[in-house]
Amino acid sequence: EYMRGISNPIGLKCGPSLDPDELLRLIDILNPSNQAGRLTLIVRMGAEKVRSGLPPLLRAV
């Protein structure tokens, strides 16, 4: 809720347990007007999990 009121760019860490639906919900909360450059997704999965964890998130966004 606090981050919703911040006007600076926001970085969102995306780990291996992040569900694609939850990612979309967070994007809607943090950048409801879809302002370019407002939100940066930072993938934090490690080399062994990125191959299975990243594609579902990319398909969602």
N, C-alpha and C. Protein backbone atom coordinates (compact mmCIF):
# COMPACT_ATOMS: atom_id res chain seq x y z
N GLU A 1 0.83 -1.19 0.00
CA GLU A 1 0.00 0.00 0.00
C GLU A 1 0.88 1.26 0.00
N TYR A 2 1.93 1.23 0.78
CA TYR A 2 2.84 2.38 0.85
C TYR A 2 3.43 2.71 -0.52
N MET A 3 3.86 1.68 -1.26
CA MET A 3 4.51 1.89 -2.56
C MET A 3 3.56 2.49 -3.59
N ARG A 4 2.27 2.29 -3.43
CA ARG A 4 1.29 2.82 -4.38
C ARG A 4 1.38 4.35 -4.45
N GLY A 5 1.69 4.99 -3.33
CA GLY A 5 1.73 6.45 -3.29
C GLY A 5 3.06 7.06 -3.68
N ILE A 6 4.07 6.25 -3.93
CA ILE A 6 5.40 6.75 -4.31
C ILE A 6 5.39 7.09 -5.80
N SER A 7 5.92 8.27 -6.15
CA SER A 7 5.92 8.65 -7.57
C SER A 7 7.24 8.31 -8.27
N ASN A 8 8.27 7.92 -7.51
CA ASN A 8 9.55 7.53 -8.11
C ASN A 8 9.41 6.18 -8.81
N PRO A 9 10.34 5.86 -9.70
CA PRO A 9 10.35 4.51 -10.30
C PRO A 9 10.50 3.45 -9.20
N ILE A 10 9.93 2.29 -9.44
CA ILE A 10 9.92 1.20 -8.46
C ILE A 10 10.55 -0.03 -9.09
N GLY A 11 11.40 -0.71 -8.33
CA GLY A 11 11.95 -2.00 -8.74
C GLY A 11 11.25 -3.11 -7.98
N LEU A 12 10.77 -4.12 -8.69
CA LEU A 12 10.05 -5.24 -8.09
C LEU A 12 10.85 -6.51 -8.30
N LYS A 13 11.32 -7.12 -7.20
CA LYS A 13 12.08 -8.36 -7.30
C LYS A 13 11.12 -9.52 -7.54
N CYS A 14 11.43 -10.33 -8.54
CA CYS A 14 10.61 -11.48 -8.92
C CYS A 14 11.39 -12.75 -8.65
N GLY A 15 11.00 -13.49 -7.62
CA GLY A 15 11.69 -14.72 -7.24
C GLY A 15 11.00 -15.95 -7.80
N PRO A 16 11.56 -17.13 -7.53
CA PRO A 16 11.04 -18.37 -8.09
C PRO A 16 9.66 -18.75 -7.56
N SER A 17 9.25 -18.21 -6.44
CA SER A 17 7.94 -18.56 -5.89
C SER A 17 6.83 -17.61 -6.36
N LEU A 18 7.17 -16.60 -7.15
CA LEU A 18 6.17 -15.64 -7.62
C LEU A 18 5.29 -16.26 -8.69
N ASP A 19 4.00 -16.24 -8.43
CA ASP A 19 3.00 -16.76 -9.36
C ASP A 19 2.69 -15.70 -10.42
N PRO A 20 2.49 -16.09 -11.69
CA PRO A 20 2.18 -15.10 -12.73
C PRO A 20 0.95 -14.25 -12.42
N ASP A 21 -0.08 -14.83 -11.82
CA ASP A 21 -1.26 -14.04 -11.47
C ASP A 21 -0.95 -13.02 -10.39
N GLU A 22 -0.10 -13.39 -9.44
CA GLU A 22 0.32 -12.46 -8.40
C GLU A 22 1.16 -11.33 -8.99
N LEU A 23 2.00 -11.65 -9.95
CA LEU A 23 2.80 -10.62 -10.63
C LEU A 23 1.88 -9.61 -11.32
N LEU A 24 0.88 -10.08 -12.03
CA LEU A 24 -0.06 -9.18 -12.69
C LEU A 24 -0.81 -8.31 -11.69
N ARG A 25 -1.18 -8.89 -10.55
CA ARG A 25 -1.87 -8.13 -9.51
C ARG A 25 -0.96 -7.02 -8.97
N LEU A 26 0.31 -7.36 -8.72
CA LEU A 26 1.26 -6.36 -8.22
C LEU A 26 1.50 -5.26 -9.24
N ILE A 27 1.60 -5.62 -10.51
CA ILE A 27 1.79 -4.62 -11.56
C ILE A 27 0.60 -3.67 -11.60
N ASP A 28 -0.61 -4.20 -11.49
CA ASP A 28 -1.81 -3.35 -11.49
C ASP A 28 -1.84 -2.41 -10.29
N ILE A 29 -1.36 -2.88 -9.15
CA ILE A 29 -1.35 -2.04 -7.94
C ILE A 29 -0.27 -0.96 -8.04
N LEU A 30 0.93 -1.35 -8.46
CA LEU A 30 2.07 -0.44 -8.44
C LEU A 30 2.13 0.50 -9.64
N ASN A 31 1.52 0.14 -10.75
CA ASN A 31 1.54 0.98 -11.95
C ASN A 31 0.19 0.90 -12.66
N PRO A 32 -0.87 1.38 -12.00
CA PRO A 32 -2.21 1.23 -12.57
C PRO A 32 -2.42 1.95 -13.90
N SER A 33 -1.67 3.03 -14.15
CA SER A 33 -1.84 3.77 -15.41
C SER A 33 -0.87 3.29 -16.49
N ASN A 34 -0.10 2.24 -16.20
CA ASN A 34 0.84 1.66 -17.16
C ASN A 34 1.83 2.70 -17.69
N GLN A 35 2.34 3.52 -16.79
CA GLN A 35 3.30 4.57 -17.14
C GLN A 35 4.65 3.94 -17.48
N ALA A 36 5.16 4.24 -18.66
CA ALA A 36 6.45 3.69 -19.10
C ALA A 36 7.57 4.12 -18.15
N GLY A 37 8.43 3.19 -17.77
CA GLY A 37 9.55 3.47 -16.91
C GLY A 37 9.24 3.52 -15.43
N ARG A 38 7.99 3.36 -15.06
CA ARG A 38 7.58 3.42 -13.66
C ARG A 38 8.01 2.18 -12.89
N LEU A 39 7.92 1.01 -13.51
CA LEU A 39 8.15 -0.25 -12.82
C LEU A 39 9.21 -1.07 -13.55
N THR A 40 10.21 -1.51 -12.81
CA THR A 40 11.25 -2.38 -13.35
C THR A 40 11.17 -3.72 -12.64
N LEU A 41 11.06 -4.80 -13.41
CA LEU A 41 11.02 -6.14 -12.83
C LEU A 41 12.44 -6.68 -12.75
N ILE A 42 12.84 -7.12 -11.57
CA ILE A 42 14.19 -7.63 -11.31
C ILE A 42 14.07 -9.12 -11.02
N VAL A 43 14.61 -9.93 -11.91
CA VAL A 43 14.50 -11.39 -11.76
C VAL A 43 15.58 -11.88 -10.82
N ARG A 44 15.17 -12.56 -9.76
CA ARG A 44 16.09 -13.12 -8.75
C ARG A 44 15.74 -14.59 -8.56
N MET A 45 16.20 -15.45 -9.45
CA MET A 45 15.83 -16.86 -9.38
C MET A 45 17.03 -17.79 -9.30
N GLY A 46 18.19 -17.33 -9.67
CA GLY A 46 19.35 -18.20 -9.72
C GLY A 46 19.38 -18.98 -11.02
N ALA A 47 20.56 -19.39 -11.41
CA ALA A 47 20.75 -20.04 -12.71
C ALA A 47 19.96 -21.34 -12.84
N GLU A 48 19.80 -22.08 -11.75
CA GLU A 48 19.13 -23.37 -11.85
C GLU A 48 17.60 -23.27 -11.92
N LYS A 49 17.02 -22.12 -11.56
CA LYS A 49 15.56 -21.99 -11.56
C LYS A 49 15.03 -21.05 -12.64
N VAL A 50 15.90 -20.26 -13.25
CA VAL A 50 15.44 -19.25 -14.19
C VAL A 50 14.81 -19.88 -15.44
N ARG A 51 15.32 -21.00 -15.88
CA ARG A 51 14.79 -21.64 -17.09
C ARG A 51 13.33 -22.07 -16.92
N SER A 52 12.96 -22.53 -15.74
CA SER A 52 11.58 -22.95 -15.51
C SER A 52 10.72 -21.83 -14.94
N GLY A 53 11.31 -20.89 -14.21
CA GLY A 53 10.53 -19.87 -13.53
C GLY A 53 10.24 -18.62 -14.33
N LEU A 54 11.15 -18.24 -15.21
CA LEU A 54 10.99 -16.98 -15.94
C LEU A 54 9.96 -17.03 -17.07
N PRO A 55 9.91 -18.07 -17.91
CA PRO A 55 8.95 -18.07 -19.02
C PRO A 55 7.49 -17.84 -18.62
N PRO A 56 6.97 -18.46 -17.53
CA PRO A 56 5.58 -18.17 -17.17
C PRO A 56 5.34 -16.70 -16.81
N LEU A 57 6.33 -16.07 -16.19
CA LEU A 57 6.19 -14.65 -15.86
C LEU A 57 6.21 -13.79 -17.11
N LEU A 58 7.09 -14.12 -18.05
CA LEU A 58 7.15 -13.36 -19.31
C LEU A 58 5.86 -13.50 -20.11
N ARG A 59 5.30 -14.71 -20.15
CA ARG A 59 4.04 -14.90 -20.87
C ARG A 59 2.91 -14.09 -20.23
N ALA A 60 2.94 -13.95 -18.93
CA ALA A 60 1.88 -13.23 -18.22
C ALA A 60 1.91 -11.73 -18.53
N VAL A 61 3.11 -11.17 -18.65
CA VAL A 61 3.19 -9.73 -18.89
C VAL A 61 3.32 -9.44 -20.36
